[in-house]
Protein backbone atom coordinates (compact mmCIF):
# COMPACT_ATOMS: atom_id res chain seq x y z
CA UNK A 1 0.65 18.01 8.86
CA UNK A 2 3.54 18.57 11.18
CA UNK A 3 4.00 15.60 13.41
CA UNK A 4 7.66 16.10 14.02
CA UNK A 5 9.41 12.95 15.01
CA UNK A 6 6.34 11.36 16.62
CA UNK A 7 6.09 8.68 13.96
CA UNK A 8 9.73 7.74 14.36
CA UNK A 9 9.50 7.60 18.16
CA UNK A 10 6.34 5.52 17.98
CA UNK A 11 8.02 3.07 15.62
CA UNK A 12 11.03 2.81 17.92
CA UNK A 13 8.77 2.29 20.94
CA UNK A 14 6.79 -0.44 19.12
CA UNK A 15 10.00 -2.18 18.02
CA UNK A 16 11.33 -2.09 21.58
CA UNK A 17 8.07 -3.52 22.92
CA UNK A 18 8.05 -6.28 20.29
CA UNK A 19 11.67 -7.16 21.05
CA UNK A 20 10.87 -7.43 24.75
CA UNK A 21 7.90 -9.67 23.98
CA UNK A 22 9.97 -11.96 21.80
CA UNK A 23 12.78 -12.08 24.35
CA UNK A 24 10.48 -12.97 27.22
CA UNK A 25 8.95 -15.93 25.41
CA UNK A 26 10.65 -19.14 26.39
CA UNK A 27 12.06 -20.94 23.41
CA UNK A 28 11.09 -24.58 23.34
CA UNK A 29 13.22 -27.13 21.56
CA UNK A 30 11.67 -29.59 19.15
CA UNK A 31 12.26 -32.53 21.48
CA UNK A 32 10.62 -30.90 24.48
CA UNK A 33 7.77 -29.71 22.27
CA UNK A 34 7.21 -33.24 21.01
CA UNK A 35 7.34 -34.61 24.57
CA UNK A 36 4.81 -32.03 25.75
CA UNK A 37 2.48 -32.77 22.83
CA UNK A 38 2.69 -36.50 23.52
CA UNK A 39 1.98 -35.97 27.23
CA UNK A 40 -1.01 -33.77 26.40
CA UNK A 41 -2.30 -36.36 23.95
CA UNK A 42 -1.94 -39.11 26.57
CA UNK A 43 -3.94 -37.03 29.08
CA UNK A 44 -6.69 -36.50 26.51
CA UNK A 45 -6.76 -40.21 25.66
CA UNK A 46 -7.14 -41.05 29.36
CA UNK A 47 -9.99 -38.56 29.72
CA UNK A 48 -11.72 -40.00 26.64
CA UNK A 49 -11.34 -43.56 27.93
CA UNK A 50 -12.81 -42.56 31.30
CA UNK A 51 -15.72 -40.80 29.60
CA UNK A 52 -16.38 -43.81 27.38
CA UNK A 53 -16.38 -46.13 30.39
CA UNK A 54 -18.82 -43.87 32.22
CA UNK A 55 -21.15 -43.83 29.20
CA UNK A 56 -20.95 -47.61 28.91
CA UNK A 57 -21.76 -48.15 32.58
CA UNK A 58 -24.59 -45.63 32.37
CA UNK A 59 -25.99 -47.36 29.30
CA UNK A 60 -25.77 -50.72 31.07
CA UNK A 61 -27.57 -49.31 34.09
CA UNK A 62 -30.30 -47.85 31.90
CA UNK A 63 -30.66 -51.16 30.04
CA UNK A 64 -31.00 -53.02 33.34
CA UNK A 65 -33.68 -50.59 34.52
CA UNK A 66 -35.71 -50.95 31.34
CA UNK A 67 -35.80 -54.73 31.50
């Protein structure tokens, strides 16, 4: 059960890697986060509206065919 200092070096290596990961992540302020969320929500609402309009026109076309 002689591992020497392997455990300590592995812990130091993992801490260094984690610190580099945390440092590389861009910090986003609350205002920019809220703006991004609102922009994403607006895009999704536009997509949903377009999809609903397509379904409505398709349903109207199908209703016209069946008459």
